[in-house]
Amino acid sequence: MKRALLLVLALSGCGDNDACSLDGAMCNKLSYYGLFDDIARQQPAPGVTPYELETPLFSDYTTKHRFLALPPGVTATWSDRDAFDLPVGTVLVKTFSYLADRRDPSSHETKLETRLLIHGSEGWHGASYVYAGADDDATLAAAGTDLPSTWIHDDGSERSNDYIVPNENQCKNCHAEHDDVLTPLGPKARHLNIGAQLEGLVDHGQLVGAPPADQWPKDPNAIDPTTGSLDQRARAFLDINCGHCHNPTGAARTSGLYLDAFETDLGKMGTCKPPVATGRGSGGLAFDIVPGQPDASIVIYRVSSTEPSIKMPELGRNLVYDEGVQLLRDWITAMPGKCN
């Protein structure tokens, strides 16, 4: 009999790999966790809730499927600012795939990996499971790997990418949002306030402590101009793609460049701010952001590059996010003022 939600329920090993546990080794196969009734169709098991983000992190044009598995009988706790307080035993699930043709959302999806982020009694830890040609199960890839991929892009051209599956140690490079402690990034009120998602979590008793719905924070969709102003959309883009490192307690805090949603100091957001120890990453430019001059701004130089020592973000992408770069270019072009 298939065990359901082994890590969620508590902890006696996974399938035929009895060495793994909530705080110990990861299971060898994704199926051992019982998170899906049908892995190939990404159909979650009972008690596993799909969700989406208003503005997702860019990951080389992949399609993503996200799920939340809370332990039975316990709840998540609301936060206006940070990720919700998710109890021990929670599993966050994210599957990455490429659509055969991005112009057709119903086209075949080639699954690449499913990442699990698990809340053990000693903190969060994660790992990736790679499909490697099959889509009915995935295998633990603790050391990471590269997956050559092709697809038809939005403009009808054929694109390719050596998609990078991170190793276990790289989880912390992005998820250490506060003081080098690995934490979730996506499950925040402002990211999840799309459609009836938050209302559903509250109504079903999975999320407690929420204020009245008219007080819920909400980010716009960064790429959809109908959802917010240019400034609001650019800030939302920077928050989800950069703010987890570029904040006063994040991995890039020594840069003094803070791009999270709550920074209000224009200088700390990069306006006329000289770089700190960026080396080649500065491109010989003087300031992170020069109002009215995107081509003179280090931020544009770095998000437009694919060179490992220059590109930002450092992990999670090989390709340039054309739409995101154009958004930031428009944002900087519209900025008033100048740098001395």
C-alpha atoms as a PDB file:
ATOM      1  CA  MET A   1       0.000   0.000   0.000  1.00  0.00           C
ATOM      2  CA  LYS A   2       1.374   3.370  -1.010  1.00  0.00           C
ATOM      3  CA  ARG A   3       2.299   5.527   1.958  1.00  0.00           C
ATOM      4  CA  ALA A   4       0.734   8.966   1.777  1.00  0.00           C
ATOM      5  CA  LEU A   5       2.616  12.128   2.726  1.00  0.00           C
ATOM      6  CA  LEU A   6       5.254  10.324   4.721  1.00  0.00           C
ATOM      7  CA  LEU A   7       7.187  13.405   5.727  1.00  0.00           C
ATOM      8  CA  VAL A   8       4.008  15.277   6.494  1.00  0.00           C
ATOM      9  CA  LEU A   9       2.533  12.522   8.612  1.00  0.00           C
ATOM     10  CA  ALA A  10       5.635  11.874  10.541  1.00  0.00           C
ATOM     11  CA  LEU A  11       8.475  10.166   9.879  1.00  0.00           C
ATOM     12  CA  SER A  12       9.122   6.498   9.614  1.00  0.00           C
ATOM     13  CA  GLY A  13      11.100   6.364   6.400  1.00  0.00           C
ATOM     14  CA  CYS A  14      10.170   6.476   2.732  1.00  0.00           C
ATOM     15  CA  GLY A  15       9.157   3.499   0.658  1.00  0.00           C
ATOM     16  CA  ASP A  16      12.003   1.003   0.524  1.00  0.00           C
ATOM     17  CA  ASN A  17      14.527   3.580   1.753  1.00  0.00           C
ATOM     18  CA  ASP A  18      14.137   3.365   5.517  1.00  0.00           C
ATOM     19  CA  ALA A  19      17.197   5.552   6.094  1.00  0.00           C
ATOM     20  CA  CYS A  20      15.390   8.740   5.131  1.00  0.00           C
ATOM     21  CA  SER A  21      13.370  10.783   7.600  1.00  0.00           C
ATOM     22  CA  LEU A  22      12.033  14.234   8.311  1.00  0.00           C
ATOM     23  CA  ASP A  23      15.419  15.509   9.479  1.00  0.00           C
ATOM     24  CA  GLY A  24      17.724  13.014   7.802  1.00  0.00           C
ATOM     25  CA  ALA A  25      18.385  11.757   4.297  1.00  0.00           C
ATOM     26  CA  MET A  26      15.997  12.543   1.457  1.00  0.00           C
ATOM     27  CA  CYS A  27      14.034   9.732  -0.172  1.00  0.00           C
ATOM     28  CA  ASN A  28      15.526   8.298  -3.380  1.00  0.00           C
ATOM     29  CA  LYS A  29      12.321   8.676  -5.394  1.00  0.00           C
ATOM     30  CA  LEU A  30       9.753  11.466  -5.511  1.00  0.00           C
ATOM     31  CA  SER A  31       6.939   8.904  -5.456  1.00  0.00           C
ATOM     32  CA  TYR A  32       7.960   7.700  -1.981  1.00  0.00           C
ATOM     33  CA  TYR A  33       6.574  10.879  -0.436  1.00  0.00           C
ATOM     34  CA  GLY A  34       3.040  10.265  -1.679  1.00  0.00           C
ATOM     35  CA  LEU A  35       2.608  13.921  -2.578  1.00  0.00           C
ATOM     36  CA  PHE A  36       0.944  13.145  -5.916  1.00  0.00           C
ATOM     37  CA  ASP A  37      -1.871  10.862  -6.970  1.00  0.00           C
ATOM     38  CA  ASP A  38      -0.478  11.179 -10.497  1.00  0.00           C
ATOM     39  CA  ILE A  39       3.037  12.576 -10.905  1.00  0.00           C
ATOM     40  CA  ALA A  40       2.862  12.658 -14.711  1.00  0.00           C
ATOM     41  CA  ARG A  41      -0.227  14.875 -14.594  1.00  0.00           C
ATOM     42  CA  GLN A  42       0.951  16.750 -11.489  1.00  0.00           C
ATOM     43  CA  GLN A  43      -2.277  15.772  -9.780  1.00  0.00           C
ATOM     44  CA  PRO A  44      -1.719  16.300  -6.035  1.00  0.00           C
ATOM     45  CA  ALA A  45      -2.739  13.847  -3.344  1.00  0.00           C
ATOM     46  CA  PRO A  46      -5.497  14.793  -0.894  1.00  0.00           C
ATOM     47  CA  GLY A  47      -4.224  17.391   1.528  1.00  0.00           C
ATOM     48  CA  VAL A  48      -1.733  18.860  -0.964  1.00  0.00           C
ATOM     49  CA  THR A  49      -2.802  22.313  -2.169  1.00  0.00           C
ATOM     50  CA  PRO A  50      -1.704  23.803  -5.524  1.00  0.00           C
ATOM     51  CA  TYR A  51      -0.884  27.496  -5.581  1.00  0.00           C
ATOM     52  CA  GLU A  52       0.671  30.127  -7.836  1.00  0.00           C
ATOM     53  CA  LEU A  53       2.437  33.459  -7.468  1.00  0.00           C
ATOM     54  CA  GLU A  54       1.285  36.747  -8.975  1.00  0.00           C
ATOM     55  CA  THR A  55       4.831  37.420 -10.220  1.00  0.00           C
ATOM     56  CA  PRO A  56       6.957  34.265 -10.278  1.00  0.00           C
ATOM     57  CA  LEU A  57      10.732  34.192 -10.112  1.00  0.00           C
ATOM     58  CA  PHE A  58      12.204  33.951 -13.617  1.00  0.00           C
ATOM     59  CA  SER A  59      13.767  30.541 -14.268  1.00  0.00           C
ATOM     60  CA  ASP A  60      14.820  30.445 -17.926  1.00  0.00           C
ATOM     61  CA  TYR A  61      11.237  30.477 -19.257  1.00  0.00           C
ATOM     62  CA  THR A  62      10.246  27.260 -17.497  1.00  0.00           C
ATOM     63  CA  THR A  63       6.671  26.532 -16.505  1.00  0.00           C
ATOM     64  CA  LYS A  64       6.215  25.815 -12.793  1.00  0.00           C
ATOM     65  CA  HIS A  65       3.678  23.917 -10.718  1.00  0.00           C
ATOM     66  CA  ARG A  66       3.643  24.696  -6.980  1.00  0.00           C
ATOM     67  CA  PHE A  67       2.089  22.809  -4.095  1.00  0.00           C
ATOM     68  CA  LEU A  68       1.802  23.166  -0.321  1.00  0.00           C
ATOM     69  CA  ALA A  69       1.456  20.153   1.996  1.00  0.00           C
ATOM     70  CA  LEU A  70       0.677  21.001   5.610  1.00  0.00           C
ATOM     71  CA  PRO A  71       0.727  18.342   8.347  1.00  0.00           C
ATOM     72  CA  PRO A  72      -2.794  17.145   9.219  1.00  0.00           C
ATOM     73  CA  GLY A  73      -4.500  19.179  11.913  1.00  0.00           C
ATOM     74  CA  VAL A  74      -2.051  22.082  12.023  1.00  0.00           C
ATOM     75  CA  THR A  75      -2.099  25.488  10.357  1.00  0.00           C
ATOM     76  CA  ALA A  76       0.104  28.135   8.812  1.00  0.00           C
ATOM     77  CA  THR A  77       0.211  31.563  10.482  1.00  0.00           C
ATOM     78  CA  TRP A  78      -0.215  34.844   8.615  1.00  0.00           C
ATOM     79  CA  SER A  79       2.488  37.472   8.174  1.00  0.00           C
ATOM     80  CA  ASP A  80       1.978  40.808   6.432  1.00  0.00           C
ATOM     81  CA  ARG A  81       5.607  40.903   5.338  1.00  0.00           C
ATOM     82  CA  ASP A  82       7.539  37.641   5.578  1.00  0.00           C
ATOM     83  CA  ALA A  83       6.766  34.125   4.445  1.00  0.00           C
ATOM     84  CA  PHE A  84       3.920  32.569   6.395  1.00  0.00           C
ATOM     85  CA  ASP A  85       4.974  30.638   9.494  1.00  0.00           C
ATOM     86  CA  LEU A  86       4.718  27.071   8.197  1.00  0.00           C
ATOM     87  CA  PRO A  87       4.786  24.332  10.860  1.00  0.00           C
ATOM     88  CA  VAL A  88       7.289  21.506  11.189  1.00  0.00           C
ATOM     89  CA  GLY A  89       6.332  18.773   8.747  1.00  0.00           C
ATOM     90  CA  THR A  90       5.361  21.185   5.948  1.00  0.00           C
ATOM     91  CA  VAL A  91       6.527  20.284   2.441  1.00  0.00           C
ATOM     92  CA  LEU A  92       6.745  22.872  -0.362  1.00  0.00           C
ATOM     93  CA  VAL A  93       6.796  21.371  -3.851  1.00  0.00           C
ATOM     94  CA  LYS A  94       7.787  23.012  -7.146  1.00  0.00           C
ATOM     95  CA  THR A  95       7.975  21.242 -10.510  1.00  0.00           C
ATOM     96  CA  PHE A  96       9.852  22.847 -13.432  1.00  0.00           C
ATOM     97  CA  SER A  97       9.099  21.951 -17.041  1.00  0.00           C
ATOM     98  CA  TYR A  98       9.299  23.282 -20.588  1.00  0.00           C
ATOM     99  CA  LEU A  99       6.238  23.588 -22.767  1.00  0.00           C
ATOM    100  CA  ALA A 100       6.860  22.195 -26.233  1.00  0.00           C
ATOM    101  CA  ASP A 101       5.396  25.458 -27.588  1.00  0.00           C
ATOM    102  CA  ARG A 102       5.030  28.411 -25.232  1.00  0.00           C
ATOM    103  CA  ARG A 103       2.368  29.880 -27.503  1.00  0.00           C
ATOM    104  CA  ASP A 104       0.130  26.923 -26.634  1.00  0.00           C
ATOM    105  CA  PRO A 105      -0.342  26.315 -22.886  1.00  0.00           C
ATOM    106  CA  SER A 106      -1.924  22.937 -23.697  1.00  0.00           C
ATOM    107  CA  SER A 107       1.159  21.665 -25.540  1.00  0.00           C
ATOM    108  CA  HIS A 108       3.231  18.827 -24.111  1.00  0.00           C
ATOM    109  CA  GLU A 109       5.324  19.618 -21.049  1.00  0.00           C
ATOM    110  CA  THR A 110       8.768  18.090 -20.679  1.00  0.00           C
ATOM    111  CA  LYS A 111       9.310  17.803 -16.949  1.00  0.00           C
ATOM    112  CA  LEU A 112      12.782  18.685 -15.719  1.00  0.00           C
ATOM    113  CA  GLU A 113      12.798  18.500 -11.945  1.00  0.00           C
ATOM    114  CA  THR A 114      10.655  18.697  -8.840  1.00  0.00           C
ATOM    115  CA  ARG A 115      12.158  20.527  -5.864  1.00  0.00           C
ATOM    116  CA  LEU A 116      11.088  19.787  -2.315  1.00  0.00           C
ATOM    117  CA  LEU A 117      11.613  22.135   0.609  1.00  0.00           C
ATOM    118  CA  ILE A 118      10.901  20.315   3.859  1.00  0.00           C
ATOM    119  CA  HIS A 119      10.471  21.804   7.322  1.00  0.00           C
ATOM    120  CA  GLY A 120      12.186  19.451   9.739  1.00  0.00           C
ATOM    121  CA  SER A 121      12.492  19.888  13.470  1.00  0.00           C
ATOM    122  CA  GLU A 122      15.933  21.441  12.950  1.00  0.00           C
ATOM    123  CA  GLY A 123      14.911  23.805  10.159  1.00  0.00           C
ATOM    124  CA  TRP A 124      14.265  23.761   6.436  1.00  0.00           C
ATOM    125  CA  HIS A 125      16.208  21.635   3.942  1.00  0.00           C
ATOM    126  CA  GLY A 126      15.661  20.736   0.327  1.00  0.00           C
ATOM    127  CA  ALA A 127      16.617  18.668  -2.687  1.00  0.00           C
ATOM    128  CA  SER A 128      15.801  18.194  -6.367  1.00  0.00           C
ATOM    129  CA  TYR A 129      14.303  15.190  -8.147  1.00  0.00           C
ATOM    130  CA  VAL A 130      15.078  14.789 -11.856  1.00  0.00           C
ATOM    131  CA  TYR A 131      12.779  13.148 -14.407  1.00  0.00           C
ATOM    132  CA  ALA A 132      15.478  12.170 -16.923  1.00  0.00           C
ATOM    133  CA  GLY A 133      13.178  11.297 -19.830  1.00  0.00           C
ATOM    134  CA  ALA A 134      10.308   9.860 -17.812  1.00  0.00           C
ATOM    135  CA  ASP A 135       7.472  11.812 -16.246  1.00  0.00           C
ATOM    136  CA  ASP A 136       5.840   9.270 -13.922  1.00  0.00           C
ATOM    137  CA  ASP A 137       8.555   9.505 -11.261  1.00  0.00           C
ATOM    138  CA  ALA A 138      11.756  11.418 -10.527  1.00  0.00           C
ATOM    139  CA  THR A 139      15.052  10.472  -8.893  1.00  0.00           C
ATOM    140  CA  LEU A 140      16.998  12.336  -6.227  1.00  0.00           C
ATOM    141  CA  ALA A 141      19.793  14.454  -7.744  1.00  0.00           C
ATOM    142  CA  ALA A 142      21.684  15.569  -4.632  1.00  0.00           C
ATOM    143  CA  ALA A 143      24.692  16.657  -6.697  1.00  0.00           C
ATOM    144  CA  GLY A 144      22.605  18.520  -9.293  1.00  0.00           C
ATOM    145  CA  THR A 145      22.899  18.086 -13.049  1.00  0.00           C
ATOM    146  CA  ASP A 146      22.412  19.808 -16.428  1.00  0.00           C
ATOM    147  CA  LEU A 147      19.432  19.042 -18.670  1.00  0.00           C
ATOM    148  CA  PRO A 148      19.701  20.113 -22.354  1.00  0.00           C
ATOM    149  CA  SER A 149      16.273  21.392 -23.411  1.00  0.00           C
ATOM    150  CA  THR A 150      14.549  22.873 -26.469  1.00  0.00           C
ATOM    151  CA  TRP A 151      11.168  24.519 -27.036  1.00  0.00           C
ATOM    152  CA  ILE A 152       9.280  26.864 -29.355  1.00  0.00           C
ATOM    153  CA  HIS A 153       9.373  30.348 -27.870  1.00  0.00           C
ATOM    154  CA  ASP A 154       6.715  33.075 -27.764  1.00  0.00           C
ATOM    155  CA  ASP A 155       7.867  34.512 -31.101  1.00  0.00           C
ATOM    156  CA  GLY A 156       7.809  31.121 -32.862  1.00  0.00           C
ATOM    157  CA  SER A 157      11.584  30.648 -32.824  1.00  0.00           C
ATOM    158  CA  GLU A 158      13.255  27.508 -31.516  1.00  0.00           C
ATOM    159  CA  ARG A 159      15.118  28.068 -28.281  1.00  0.00           C
ATOM    160  CA  SER A 160      17.500  25.863 -26.325  1.00  0.00           C
ATOM    161  CA  ASN A 161      18.999  25.869 -22.855  1.00  0.00           C
ATOM    162  CA  ASP A 162      21.238  23.703 -20.704  1.00  0.00           C
ATOM    163  CA  TYR A 163      18.901  23.854 -17.746  1.00  0.00           C
ATOM    164  CA  ILE A 164      20.780  23.627 -14.435  1.00  0.00           C
ATOM    165  CA  VAL A 165      19.419  21.541 -11.562  1.00  0.00           C
ATOM    166  CA  PRO A 166      20.990  22.898  -8.349  1.00  0.00           C
ATOM    167  CA  ASN A 167      22.744  20.707  -5.836  1.00  0.00           C
ATOM    168  CA  GLU A 168      21.516  20.436  -2.252  1.00  0.00           C
ATOM    169  CA  ASN A 169      24.027  22.961  -0.937  1.00  0.00           C
ATOM    170  CA  GLN A 170      22.850  25.630  -3.379  1.00  0.00           C
ATOM    171  CA  CYS A 171      19.378  25.824  -1.840  1.00  0.00           C
ATOM    172  CA  LYS A 172      20.718  28.155   0.799  1.00  0.00           C
ATOM    173  CA  ASN A 173      22.265  30.499  -1.774  1.00  0.00           C
ATOM    174  CA  CYS A 174      18.803  31.830  -2.612  1.00  0.00           C
ATOM    175  CA  HIS A 175      16.675  30.788   0.358  1.00  0.00           C
ATOM    176  CA  ALA A 176      18.794  32.409   3.098  1.00  0.00           C
ATOM    177  CA  GLU A 177      16.686  35.559   3.103  1.00  0.00           C
ATOM    178  CA  HIS A 178      17.312  36.338   6.756  1.00  0.00           C
ATOM    179  CA  ASP A 179      20.678  35.934   8.490  1.00  0.00           C
ATOM    180  CA  ASP A 180      21.840  32.880   6.526  1.00  0.00           C
ATOM    181  CA  VAL A 181      18.894  30.743   7.691  1.00  0.00           C
ATOM    182  CA  LEU A 182      17.175  28.749   4.943  1.00  0.00           C
ATOM    183  CA  THR A 183      13.531  29.822   4.633  1.00  0.00           C
ATOM    184  CA  PRO A 184      10.713  29.678   2.043  1.00  0.00           C
ATOM    185  CA  LEU A 185      10.392  32.625  -0.333  1.00  0.00           C
ATOM    186  CA  GLY A 186       7.158  32.316  -2.293  1.00  0.00           C
ATOM    187  CA  PRO A 187       4.444  31.790   0.362  1.00  0.00           C
ATOM    188  CA  LYS A 188       4.007  35.457   1.275  1.00  0.00           C
ATOM    189  CA  ALA A 189       0.737  37.325   1.342  1.00  0.00           C
ATOM    190  CA  ARG A 190       1.692  39.809  -1.367  1.00  0.00           C
ATOM    191  CA  HIS A 191       2.739  37.019  -3.761  1.00  0.00           C
ATOM    192  CA  LEU A 192      -0.211  34.705  -3.065  1.00  0.00           C
ATOM    193  CA  ASN A 193      -2.935  37.364  -3.245  1.00  0.00           C
ATOM    194  CA  ILE A 194      -4.133  36.268  -6.664  1.00  0.00           C
ATOM    195  CA  GLY A 195      -7.644  35.061  -7.409  1.00  0.00           C
ATOM    196  CA  ALA A 196      -9.196  33.315  -4.411  1.00  0.00           C
ATOM    197  CA  GLN A 197      -6.034  31.562  -3.182  1.00  0.00           C
ATOM    198  CA  LEU A 198      -5.642  33.345   0.141  1.00  0.00           C
ATOM    199  CA  GLU A 199      -9.368  33.290   0.768  1.00  0.00           C
ATOM    200  CA  GLY A 200      -9.351  29.535   0.196  1.00  0.00           C
ATOM    201  CA  LEU A 201      -6.511  28.930   2.660  1.00  0.00           C
ATOM    202  CA  VAL A 202      -8.266  31.034   5.301  1.00  0.00           C
ATOM    203  CA  ASP A 203     -11.720  29.551   4.709  1.00  0.00           C
ATOM    204  CA  HIS A 204     -10.388  25.997   4.885  1.00  0.00           C
ATOM    205  CA  GLY A 205      -8.619  26.672   8.171  1.00  0.00           C
ATOM    206  CA  GLN A 206      -5.139  26.194   6.713  1.00  0.00           C
ATOM    207  CA  LEU A 207      -4.077  29.788   7.415  1.00  0.00           C
ATOM    208  CA  VAL A 208      -4.830  31.638  10.650  1.00  0.00           C
ATOM    209  CA  GLY A 209      -4.210  35.155  11.876  1.00  0.00           C
ATOM    210  CA  ALA A 210      -5.163  36.939   8.654  1.00  0.00           C
ATOM    211  CA  PRO A 211      -6.553  40.488   8.920  1.00  0.00           C
ATOM    212  CA  PRO A 212      -9.720  41.476   6.988  1.00  0.00           C
ATOM    213  CA  ALA A 213      -9.358  40.784   3.266  1.00  0.00           C
ATOM    214  CA  ASP A 214      -9.308  44.474   2.345  1.00  0.00           C
ATOM    215  CA  GLN A 215      -6.044  44.777   4.322  1.00  0.00           C
ATOM    216  CA  TRP A 216      -4.204  42.002   2.501  1.00  0.00           C
ATOM    217  CA  PRO A 217      -1.071  43.226   0.658  1.00  0.00           C
ATOM    218  CA  LYS A 218      -0.945  42.557  -3.063  1.00  0.00           C
ATOM    219  CA  ASP A 219       1.773  42.779  -5.694  1.00  0.00           C
ATOM    220  CA  PRO A 220       0.920  43.461  -9.321  1.00  0.00           C
ATOM    221  CA  ASN A 221       1.898  41.093 -12.092  1.00  0.00           C
ATOM    222  CA  ALA A 222       5.215  42.637 -13.094  1.00  0.00           C
ATOM    223  CA  ILE A 223       4.815  41.894 -16.791  1.00  0.00           C
ATOM    224  CA  ASP A 224       1.133  42.874 -17.101  1.00  0.00           C
ATOM    225  CA  PRO A 225       0.757  46.667 -17.420  1.00  0.00           C
ATOM    226  CA  THR A 226      -2.956  46.458 -16.541  1.00  0.00           C
ATOM    227  CA  THR A 227      -2.184  45.348 -12.973  1.00  0.00           C
ATOM    228  CA  GLY A 228      -0.167  48.286 -11.668  1.00  0.00           C
ATOM    229  CA  SER A 229       1.943  51.337 -12.398  1.00  0.00           C
ATOM    230  CA  LEU A 230       5.383  51.061 -13.974  1.00  0.00           C
ATOM    231  CA  ASP A 231       7.006  51.705 -10.601  1.00  0.00           C
ATOM    232  CA  GLN A 232       4.834  49.143  -8.813  1.00  0.00           C
ATOM    233  CA  ARG A 233       5.551  46.478 -11.419  1.00  0.00           C
ATOM    234  CA  ALA A 234       9.305  47.105 -11.469  1.00  0.00           C
ATOM    235  CA  ARG A 235       9.432  46.936  -7.664  1.00  0.00           C
ATOM    236  CA  ALA A 236       7.460  43.670  -7.729  1.00  0.00           C
ATOM    237  CA  PHE A 237       9.890  42.248 -10.282  1.00  0.00           C
ATOM    238  CA  LEU A 238      12.924  43.231  -8.205  1.00  0.00           C
ATOM    239  CA  ASP A 239      11.325  41.969  -5.006  1.00  0.00           C
ATOM    240  CA  ILE A 240      10.719  38.414  -6.270  1.00  0.00           C
ATOM    241  CA  ASN A 241      13.868  38.093  -8.378  1.00  0.00           C
ATOM    242  CA  CYS A 242      16.402  39.996  -6.281  1.00  0.00           C
ATOM    243  CA  GLY A 243      14.977  40.977  -2.904  1.00  0.00           C
ATOM    244  CA  HIS A 244      15.606  37.636  -1.187  1.00  0.00           C
ATOM    245  CA  CYS A 245      19.366  38.366  -1.371  1.00  0.00           C
ATOM    246  CA  HIS A 246      19.378  42.146  -1.689  1.00  0.00           C
ATOM    247  CA  ASN A 247      17.869  43.145   1.648  1.00  0.00           C
ATOM    248  CA  PRO A 248      19.363  44.241   4.992  1.00  0.00           C
ATOM    249  CA  THR A 249      19.641  40.644   6.273  1.00  0.00           C
ATOM    250  CA  GLY A 250      20.107  38.739   2.989  1.00  0.00           C
ATOM    251  CA  ALA A 251      23.140  37.149   1.382  1.00  0.00           C
ATOM    252  CA  ALA A 252      23.932  40.354  -0.563  1.00  0.00           C
ATOM    253  CA  ARG A 253      23.511  42.691   2.399  1.00  0.00           C
ATOM    254  CA  THR A 254      27.134  43.831   2.251  1.00  0.00           C
ATOM    255  CA  SER A 255      26.447  45.369  -1.172  1.00  0.00           C
ATOM    256  CA  GLY A 256      24.208  47.985   0.430  1.00  0.00           C
ATOM    257  CA  LEU A 257      21.818  47.526  -2.516  1.00  0.00           C
ATOM    258  CA  TYR A 258      18.386  46.616  -1.176  1.00  0.00           C
ATOM    259  CA  LEU A 259      15.724  45.607  -3.687  1.00  0.00           C
ATOM    260  CA  ASP A 260      13.043  44.056  -1.495  1.00  0.00           C
ATOM    261  CA  ALA A 261       9.507  45.421  -1.493  1.00  0.00           C
ATOM    262  CA  PHE A 262       9.919  47.320   1.777  1.00  0.00           C
ATOM    263  CA  GLU A 263      12.923  49.486   0.957  1.00  0.00           C
ATOM    264  CA  THR A 264      11.984  53.148   0.539  1.00  0.00           C
ATOM    265  CA  ASP A 265      15.396  54.843   0.481  1.00  0.00           C
ATOM    266  CA  LEU A 266      16.129  55.590  -3.189  1.00  0.00           C
ATOM    267  CA  GLY A 267      19.872  55.537  -2.533  1.00  0.00           C
ATOM    268  CA  LYS A 268      19.736  52.060  -1.010  1.00  0.00           C
ATOM    269  CA  MET A 269      17.575  50.999  -3.958  1.00  0.00           C
ATOM    270  CA  GLY A 270      20.487  51.894  -6.211  1.00  0.00           C
ATOM    271  CA  THR A 271      19.737  55.417  -7.432  1.00  0.00           C
ATOM    272  CA  CYS A 272      23.101  57.147  -7.886  1.00  0.00           C
ATOM    273  CA  LYS A 273      24.657  54.516  -5.614  1.00  0.00           C
ATOM    274  CA  PRO A 274      28.271  53.503  -6.375  1.00  0.00           C
ATOM    275  CA  PRO A 275      28.899  49.747  -6.472  1.00  0.00           C
ATOM    276  CA  VAL A 276      30.632  47.853  -3.667  1.00  0.00           C
ATOM    277  CA  ALA A 277      33.346  45.362  -4.682  1.00  0.00           C
ATOM    278  CA  THR A 278      31.589  44.172  -7.864  1.00  0.00           C
ATOM    279  CA  GLY A 279      34.761  43.771  -9.970  1.00  0.00           C
ATOM    280  CA  ARG A 280      33.811  42.970 -13.562  1.00  0.00           C
ATOM    281  CA  GLY A 281      30.186  43.094 -12.446  1.00  0.00           C
ATOM    282  CA  SER A 282      30.181  46.891 -12.619  1.00  0.00           C
ATOM    283  CA  GLY A 283      31.003  46.949 -16.325  1.00  0.00           C
ATOM    284  CA  GLY A 284      33.050  50.069 -15.648  1.00  0.00           C
ATOM    285  CA  LEU A 285      29.855  51.963 -14.792  1.00  0.00           C
ATOM    286  CA  ALA A 286      29.665  54.402 -11.896  1.00  0.00           C
ATOM    287  CA  PHE A 287      26.229  53.805 -10.373  1.00  0.00           C
ATOM    288  CA  ASP A 288      23.753  50.977  -9.843  1.00  0.00           C
ATOM    289  CA  ILE A 289      20.930  53.093 -11.299  1.00  0.00           C
ATOM    290  CA  VAL A 290      21.262  56.359 -13.222  1.00  0.00           C
ATOM    291  CA  PRO A 291      17.861  58.053 -13.614  1.00  0.00           C
ATOM    292  CA  GLY A 292      16.851  58.339 -17.258  1.00  0.00           C
ATOM    293  CA  GLN A 293      19.860  56.312 -18.422  1.00  0.00           C
ATOM    294  CA  PRO A 294      19.375  52.533 -18.375  1.00  0.00           C
ATOM    295  CA  ASP A 295      22.524  51.900 -20.404  1.00  0.00           C
ATOM    296  CA  ALA A 296      24.578  53.733 -17.773  1.00  0.00           C
ATOM    297  CA  SER A 297      23.064  51.636 -14.950  1.00  0.00           C
ATOM    298  CA  ILE A 298      24.876  48.630 -13.486  1.00  0.00           C
ATOM    299  CA  VAL A 299      21.538  46.940 -12.727  1.00  0.00           C
ATOM    300  CA  ILE A 300      20.720  46.763 -16.445  1.00  0.00           C
ATOM    301  CA  TYR A 301      24.245  45.634 -17.306  1.00  0.00           C
ATOM    302  CA  ARG A 302      24.008  42.704 -14.914  1.00  0.00           C
ATOM    303  CA  VAL A 303      20.469  41.504 -15.651  1.00  0.00           C
ATOM    304  CA  SER A 304      21.286  41.663 -19.376  1.00  0.00           C
ATOM    305  CA  SER A 305      24.367  39.429 -19.073  1.00  0.00           C
ATOM    306  CA  THR A 306      24.740  35.660 -19.104  1.00  0.00           C
ATOM    307  CA  GLU A 307      28.413  35.617 -18.058  1.00  0.00           C
ATOM    308  CA  PRO A 308      28.738  33.797 -14.719  1.00  0.00           C
ATOM    309  CA  SER A 309      30.875  36.505 -13.090  1.00  0.00           C
ATOM    310  CA  ILE A 310      28.535  39.306 -14.191  1.00  0.00           C
ATOM    311  CA  LYS A 311      24.948  38.080 -14.382  1.00  0.00           C
ATOM    312  CA  MET A 312      22.348  38.708 -11.732  1.00  0.00           C
ATOM    313  CA  PRO A 313      20.734  36.744 -10.253  1.00  0.00           C
ATOM    314  CA  GLU A 314      23.837  34.561  -9.955  1.00  0.00           C
ATOM    315  CA  LEU A 315      21.888  31.286  -9.819  1.00  0.00           C
ATOM    316  CA  GLY A 316      18.706  30.036 -11.415  1.00  0.00           C
ATOM    317  CA  ARG A 317      19.163  31.397 -14.913  1.00  0.00           C
ATOM    318  CA  ASN A 318      21.318  30.928 -18.000  1.00  0.00           C
ATOM    319  CA  LEU A 319      19.166  33.110 -20.246  1.00  0.00           C
ATOM    320  CA  VAL A 320      18.252  36.791 -20.327  1.00  0.00           C
ATOM    321  CA  TYR A 321      14.669  37.540 -19.340  1.00  0.00           C
ATOM    322  CA  ASP A 322      13.879  39.884 -22.209  1.00  0.00           C
ATOM    323  CA  GLU A 323      10.540  41.063 -20.832  1.00  0.00           C
ATOM    324  CA  GLY A 324      11.970  41.687 -17.380  1.00  0.00           C
ATOM    325  CA  VAL A 325      14.942  43.625 -18.723  1.00  0.00           C
ATOM    326  CA  GLN A 326      12.626  45.789 -20.837  1.00  0.00           C
ATOM    327  CA  LEU A 327      10.480  46.505 -17.771  1.00  0.00           C
ATOM    328  CA  LEU A 328      13.527  47.701 -15.813  1.00  0.00           C
ATOM    329  CA  ARG A 329      14.768  49.745 -18.772  1.00  0.00           C
ATOM    330  CA  ASP A 330      11.386  51.488 -19.019  1.00  0.00           C
ATOM    331  CA  TRP A 331      11.378  52.071 -15.244  1.00  0.00           C
ATOM    332  CA  ILE A 332      14.836  53.662 -15.201  1.00  0.00           C
ATOM    333  CA  THR A 333      14.112  55.707 -18.338  1.00  0.00           C
ATOM    334  CA  ALA A 334      11.079  57.223 -16.624  1.00  0.00           C
ATOM    335  CA  MET A 335      12.992  58.179 -13.457  1.00  0.00           C
ATOM    336  CA  PRO A 336      13.487  61.921 -12.903  1.00  0.00           C
ATOM    337  CA  GLY A 337      16.730  63.480 -11.726  1.00  0.00           C
ATOM    338  CA  LYS A 338      20.389  62.833 -12.440  1.00  0.00           C
ATOM    339  CA  CYS A 339      23.560  61.693 -10.711  1.00  0.00           C
ATOM    340  CA  ASN A 340      26.444  64.043  -9.996  1.00  0.00           C
END
